[in-house]
Amino acid sequence: MRAAILPDRAVLRVNGDDARHFLQNLITSDIEKLATGEARFAALLTPQGKILFDFFVIAHDNGFLLDAPKALAADLAKRLRFYKLRASVEIEETDFTVAVGFDGQQKPHFDIAFADPRHARLGLRIVLPSSEAEQCLRAAGLTLPDASEWQSRRITLGIPEGGKDFVYGDAFPHEADMDQLSGVDFKKGCFVGQEVVSRMQHKTVVRTRVVPIAFDGDRPEQGAEVKIGEKAAGTFGSSIDGRGLARLRLDRIEDGLKANETLSAGGTTLSLVKPDWAKFPFPGESA
């Protein structure tokens, strides 16, 4: 097995007698019965239902660890403290590092490790003390490729990443495919923004989503405008080795494909690639 250390991740600790109840009432996933060592993919939303932070929640000791984007970790801790009020909860940053193990049949043991709940091929996420991370991974017999190999796996599978494929504070969970990737539990009851997200799930067609694309030739810049014919259709996200992700207006793409128009970004022709996890109507399927 190979393991890539992810330098853009950080780990928060949420401990205390009220930690479970506290998080359960805030985030999109159900952690009420989460056993030690188990994890969920989740988000903390605005009251209007847009993603402020997404992260993995890991049951650990007398509370939880949050595997979150490093650039947002301090803001996430601050926002959680805002909701704390009188709850018996402590929220703090840690000196842990996140790595991800992928490829191979080896199943090394680590104190804190869990299968990525978004997709089976995303492998094993491992939380380690920062000062010992590389040493521990090598001692377990894992080779350490560059993190770009992990990003290639993520992009090829069509898994969005915040800050690259959608903008925090400007995307609903459905638009970031969290409804498809085990990031929202629609049966758990209340969480911040729940009413809006539930309405999107049950009453509307989601027009905008992050979807995988393929291309030949020059790689469009991240943030480049995507067009179908001459009509604006979305934004180009992360990419590597001829594969990428784009946040697209699916209704416009559907209409454009029916009219035999070309999907492009920055002068490069794009083609849609339906991911194996997609359960929503995909552009071109009805053509």
Protein backbone atom coordinates (compact mmCIF):
# COMPACT_ATOMS: atom_id res chain seq x y z
CA MET A 1 0.00 0.00 0.00
CA ARG A 2 1.07 3.58 -0.66
CA ALA A 3 0.31 6.48 1.66
CA ALA A 4 0.34 10.17 0.78
CA ILE A 5 0.68 12.74 3.54
CA LEU A 6 -1.85 15.53 2.95
CA PRO A 7 -0.22 18.84 3.93
CA ASP A 8 -3.45 20.78 3.34
CA ARG A 9 -5.37 18.99 6.13
CA ALA A 10 -5.53 19.69 9.87
CA VAL A 11 -7.22 18.00 12.81
CA LEU A 12 -9.40 19.56 15.49
CA ARG A 13 -10.45 17.90 18.73
CA VAL A 14 -14.00 18.28 20.09
CA ASN A 15 -14.19 16.75 23.57
CA GLY A 16 -16.46 16.89 26.59
CA ASP A 17 -19.61 15.40 28.05
CA ASP A 18 -21.83 17.25 25.55
CA ALA A 19 -19.61 16.75 22.48
CA ARG A 20 -21.85 14.22 20.75
CA HIS A 21 -25.09 16.12 21.31
CA PHE A 22 -23.37 19.38 20.39
CA LEU A 23 -22.14 18.20 17.00
CA GLN A 24 -25.23 16.12 16.26
CA ASN A 25 -27.39 19.25 16.33
CA LEU A 26 -25.08 21.24 14.05
CA ILE A 27 -23.72 19.08 11.23
CA THR A 28 -25.24 17.34 8.21
CA SER A 29 -24.42 13.73 9.14
CA ASP A 30 -25.78 11.51 11.91
CA ILE A 31 -23.12 10.80 14.55
CA GLU A 32 -25.51 9.83 17.36
CA LYS A 33 -24.42 6.17 17.37
CA LEU A 34 -20.92 6.58 15.93
CA ALA A 35 -18.62 4.07 17.66
CA THR A 36 -14.99 4.75 18.54
CA GLY A 37 -12.86 4.62 15.40
CA GLU A 38 -15.81 5.11 13.03
CA ALA A 39 -16.14 8.23 10.88
CA ARG A 40 -18.64 10.22 8.84
CA PHE A 41 -18.26 12.81 6.10
CA ALA A 42 -20.17 15.96 7.06
CA ALA A 43 -20.48 19.73 6.75
CA LEU A 44 -21.38 22.74 8.81
CA LEU A 45 -23.71 25.00 6.83
CA THR A 46 -24.98 28.54 6.95
CA PRO A 47 -28.60 28.95 8.07
CA GLN A 48 -29.32 29.41 4.34
CA GLY A 49 -27.98 25.91 3.66
CA LYS A 50 -24.62 26.69 2.04
CA ILE A 51 -21.37 24.91 2.94
CA LEU A 52 -19.10 26.80 5.32
CA PHE A 53 -16.85 23.85 6.16
CA ASP A 54 -16.72 20.19 5.21
CA PHE A 55 -14.77 17.58 7.17
CA PHE A 56 -14.62 14.03 8.47
CA VAL A 57 -15.90 13.37 12.01
CA ILE A 58 -14.05 10.56 13.80
CA ALA A 59 -15.29 9.19 17.13
CA HIS A 60 -12.26 9.17 19.44
CA ASP A 61 -11.89 8.89 23.23
CA ASN A 62 -14.38 11.16 25.02
CA GLY A 63 -15.32 13.03 21.88
CA PHE A 64 -14.37 13.46 18.25
CA LEU A 65 -11.61 14.45 15.88
CA LEU A 66 -12.39 16.58 12.82
CA ASP A 67 -10.23 16.01 9.73
CA ALA A 68 -10.69 19.40 8.02
CA PRO A 69 -9.06 21.70 5.44
CA LYS A 70 -6.01 23.26 7.08
CA ALA A 71 -6.75 26.72 5.67
CA LEU A 72 -10.15 26.70 7.41
CA ALA A 73 -9.31 24.91 10.66
CA ALA A 74 -8.99 28.04 12.81
CA ASP A 75 -12.23 29.48 11.40
CA LEU A 76 -14.02 26.17 11.95
CA ALA A 77 -12.90 26.11 15.59
CA LYS A 78 -14.06 29.70 16.00
CA ARG A 79 -17.47 28.94 14.46
CA LEU A 80 -17.96 25.88 16.69
CA ARG A 81 -17.13 27.96 19.77
CA PHE A 82 -19.75 30.46 18.62
CA TYR A 83 -22.37 27.69 18.90
CA LYS A 84 -20.98 26.32 22.17
CA LEU A 85 -22.95 28.53 24.60
CA ARG A 86 -23.07 26.61 27.90
CA ALA A 87 -22.38 23.15 26.48
CA SER A 88 -19.69 21.10 28.19
CA VAL A 89 -17.44 21.03 25.13
CA GLU A 90 -13.79 21.85 24.49
CA ILE A 91 -12.65 22.68 20.94
CA GLU A 92 -8.94 22.80 20.19
CA GLU A 93 -6.44 22.40 17.40
CA THR A 94 -4.06 19.41 17.54
CA ASP A 95 -0.62 18.48 16.26
CA PHE A 96 -1.98 15.61 14.16
CA THR A 97 -1.32 15.06 10.45
CA VAL A 98 -3.61 13.33 7.96
CA ALA A 99 -2.40 10.77 5.43
CA VAL A 100 -4.32 8.59 3.01
CA GLY A 101 -3.40 5.00 2.18
CA PHE A 102 -4.38 3.66 -1.22
CA ASP A 103 -3.57 0.83 -3.64
CA GLY A 104 -2.63 -2.65 -2.52
CA GLN A 105 -4.21 -5.27 -0.26
CA GLN A 106 -2.13 -4.48 2.81
CA LYS A 107 -4.17 -3.35 5.81
CA PRO A 108 -1.70 -1.85 8.29
CA HIS A 109 -2.86 -1.08 11.81
CA PHE A 110 -2.95 2.48 13.07
CA ASP A 111 -4.58 3.81 16.22
CA ILE A 112 -6.71 6.29 14.25
CA ALA A 113 -7.66 5.16 10.74
CA PHE A 114 -10.90 4.80 8.82
CA ALA A 115 -12.16 3.95 5.34
CA ASP A 116 -13.09 7.09 3.43
CA PRO A 117 -16.92 7.08 3.57
CA ARG A 118 -17.29 8.88 0.23
CA HIS A 119 -16.01 6.11 -2.06
CA ALA A 120 -14.43 2.68 -1.54
CA ARG A 121 -11.51 3.47 -3.88
CA LEU A 122 -10.52 6.54 -1.87
CA GLY A 123 -8.78 4.21 0.56
CA LEU A 124 -7.82 4.57 4.20
CA ARG A 125 -7.51 7.94 5.96
CA ILE A 126 -4.91 7.88 8.74
CA VAL A 127 -4.44 10.40 11.56
CA LEU A 128 -0.96 10.53 13.07
CA PRO A 129 1.15 12.79 15.30
CA SER A 130 2.79 15.28 12.94
CA SER A 131 6.31 14.74 14.27
CA GLU A 132 6.10 10.98 13.73
CA ALA A 133 3.90 10.70 10.64
CA GLU A 134 6.47 9.80 8.00
CA GLN A 135 8.34 7.49 10.35
CA CYS A 136 5.17 5.63 11.36
CA LEU A 137 4.00 5.18 7.78
CA ARG A 138 7.37 3.80 6.65
CA ALA A 139 7.58 1.54 9.70
CA ALA A 140 4.22 0.05 8.70
CA GLY A 141 5.72 -0.87 5.32
CA LEU A 142 4.01 1.84 3.28
CA THR A 143 5.72 3.77 0.49
CA LEU A 144 5.19 7.52 0.38
CA PRO A 145 4.40 8.98 -3.05
CA ASP A 146 3.82 12.67 -3.66
CA ALA A 147 0.37 13.95 -2.66
CA SER A 148 -0.33 14.66 -6.36
CA GLU A 149 -0.89 10.92 -6.86
CA TRP A 150 -3.70 11.06 -4.32
CA GLN A 151 -5.16 14.13 -6.03
CA SER A 152 -5.11 12.25 -9.33
CA ARG A 153 -7.11 9.43 -7.73
CA ARG A 154 -9.63 11.88 -6.27
CA ILE A 155 -10.10 13.77 -9.52
CA THR A 156 -10.42 10.61 -11.63
CA LEU A 157 -13.14 9.34 -9.30
CA GLY A 158 -14.93 12.70 -9.60
CA ILE A 159 -14.80 13.64 -5.91
CA PRO A 160 -15.08 17.43 -5.36
CA GLU A 161 -12.79 19.30 -2.99
CA GLY A 162 -13.77 22.59 -1.40
CA GLY A 163 -11.74 25.63 -2.42
CA LYS A 164 -10.83 23.95 -5.69
CA ASP A 165 -14.08 22.67 -7.18
CA PHE A 166 -16.57 24.82 -5.30
CA VAL A 167 -16.38 27.97 -3.19
CA TYR A 168 -17.06 27.70 0.53
CA GLY A 169 -20.03 29.83 1.48
CA ASP A 170 -21.37 29.74 -2.09
CA ALA A 171 -22.42 26.12 -2.69
CA PHE A 172 -25.22 23.94 -1.37
CA PRO A 173 -24.40 20.33 -0.34
CA HIS A 174 -26.20 18.99 -3.42
CA GLU A 175 -24.07 21.21 -5.68
CA ALA A 176 -20.92 19.72 -4.11
CA ASP A 177 -22.42 16.20 -4.46
CA MET A 178 -22.51 15.63 -0.70
CA ASP A 179 -25.95 14.06 -1.10
CA GLN A 180 -24.33 11.46 -3.39
CA LEU A 181 -21.18 10.93 -1.29
CA SER A 182 -22.62 10.12 2.16
CA GLY A 183 -22.23 13.68 3.41
CA VAL A 184 -25.87 14.39 4.35
CA ASP A 185 -28.28 12.27 6.40
CA PHE A 186 -31.81 13.29 5.44
CA LYS A 187 -33.38 11.22 8.25
CA LYS A 188 -31.44 12.55 11.25
CA GLY A 189 -33.56 15.59 12.02
CA CYS A 190 -32.35 19.11 12.63
CA PHE A 191 -29.00 20.62 11.72
CA VAL A 192 -28.01 24.14 10.71
CA GLY A 193 -29.50 24.82 7.26
CA GLN A 194 -31.54 21.60 7.33
CA GLU A 195 -34.79 23.12 6.05
CA VAL A 196 -33.24 24.44 2.83
CA VAL A 197 -31.26 21.26 2.15
CA SER A 198 -34.31 19.06 2.77
CA ARG A 199 -36.36 21.17 0.38
CA MET A 200 -33.70 20.74 -2.33
CA GLN A 201 -33.76 16.99 -1.75
CA HIS A 202 -37.52 16.55 -1.96
CA LYS A 203 -39.02 19.36 -4.00
CA THR A 204 -36.58 20.66 -6.60
CA VAL A 205 -34.30 19.54 -9.40
CA VAL A 206 -30.67 20.40 -8.64
CA ARG A 207 -29.50 22.43 -11.62
CA THR A 208 -25.85 22.92 -10.60
CA ARG A 209 -23.40 20.18 -9.63
CA VAL A 210 -19.68 19.46 -9.66
CA VAL A 211 -19.11 16.73 -12.26
CA PRO A 212 -16.05 15.04 -13.79
CA ILE A 213 -14.75 16.02 -17.20
CA ALA A 214 -12.01 14.86 -19.57
CA PHE A 215 -9.95 16.88 -22.01
CA ASP A 216 -7.06 16.68 -24.48
CA GLY A 217 -4.52 19.41 -25.02
CA ASP A 218 -3.89 22.43 -22.81
CA ARG A 219 -5.24 22.28 -19.29
CA PRO A 220 -7.66 25.13 -18.53
CA GLU A 221 -6.83 27.26 -15.51
CA GLN A 222 -8.65 26.61 -12.28
CA GLY A 223 -11.53 29.08 -12.15
CA ALA A 224 -11.80 29.37 -15.94
CA GLU A 225 -15.29 29.88 -17.35
CA VAL A 226 -16.85 26.79 -18.89
CA LYS A 227 -19.08 27.32 -21.92
CA ILE A 228 -21.53 25.20 -23.86
CA GLY A 229 -21.40 26.72 -27.29
CA GLU A 230 -21.25 30.45 -26.54
CA LYS A 231 -23.32 30.26 -23.35
CA ALA A 232 -21.75 30.38 -19.87
CA ALA A 233 -22.26 27.03 -18.16
CA GLY A 234 -20.00 26.92 -15.10
CA THR A 235 -16.51 27.03 -13.67
CA PHE A 236 -13.49 24.78 -14.22
CA GLY A 237 -12.04 23.30 -11.01
CA SER A 238 -9.11 21.04 -10.17
CA SER A 239 -7.48 18.89 -12.86
CA ILE A 240 -4.57 16.59 -13.58
CA ASP A 241 -3.48 14.35 -16.47
CA GLY A 242 -6.40 15.08 -18.80
CA ARG A 243 -9.09 14.71 -16.14
CA GLY A 244 -10.79 17.39 -14.10
CA LEU A 245 -13.86 18.60 -12.29
CA ALA A 246 -16.18 21.47 -13.14
CA ARG A 247 -19.14 23.07 -11.40
CA LEU A 248 -21.76 23.15 -14.15
CA ARG A 249 -25.34 24.16 -14.85
CA LEU A 250 -26.60 20.74 -15.88
CA ASP A 251 -29.75 22.07 -17.53
CA ARG A 252 -27.70 24.30 -19.84
CA ILE A 253 -25.33 21.43 -20.63
CA GLU A 254 -28.28 19.17 -21.46
CA ASP A 255 -29.79 21.74 -23.82
CA GLY A 256 -26.42 22.40 -25.45
CA LEU A 257 -25.65 18.73 -26.03
CA LYS A 258 -29.04 18.25 -27.66
CA ALA A 259 -28.12 21.14 -30.00
CA ASN A 260 -24.72 19.51 -30.74
CA GLU A 261 -22.84 22.39 -29.11
CA THR A 262 -19.30 22.01 -27.79
CA LEU A 263 -18.36 22.09 -24.12
CA SER A 264 -15.14 24.05 -23.56
CA ALA A 265 -13.01 26.08 -21.17
CA GLY A 266 -10.15 28.40 -22.13
CA GLY A 267 -10.27 27.17 -25.70
CA THR A 268 -9.95 23.49 -24.69
CA THR A 269 -12.73 21.07 -25.61
CA LEU A 270 -14.17 19.16 -22.67
CA SER A 271 -16.27 16.03 -22.42
CA LEU A 272 -18.42 14.86 -19.53
CA VAL A 273 -17.57 11.66 -17.67
CA LYS A 274 -20.34 10.12 -15.57
CA PRO A 275 -18.94 8.93 -12.21
CA ASP A 276 -19.93 5.52 -10.87
CA TRP A 277 -21.53 7.09 -7.80
CA ALA A 278 -23.92 9.45 -9.64
CA LYS A 279 -27.60 8.69 -9.07
CA PHE A 280 -28.95 11.92 -10.58
CA PRO A 281 -29.99 12.45 -14.23
CA PHE A 282 -26.74 13.02 -16.13
CA PRO A 283 -26.52 15.37 -19.13
CA GLY A 284 -26.67 13.52 -22.44
CA GLU A 285 -28.38 10.42 -21.10
CA SER A 286 -31.77 11.43 -22.56
CA ALA A 287 -30.35 12.63 -25.87
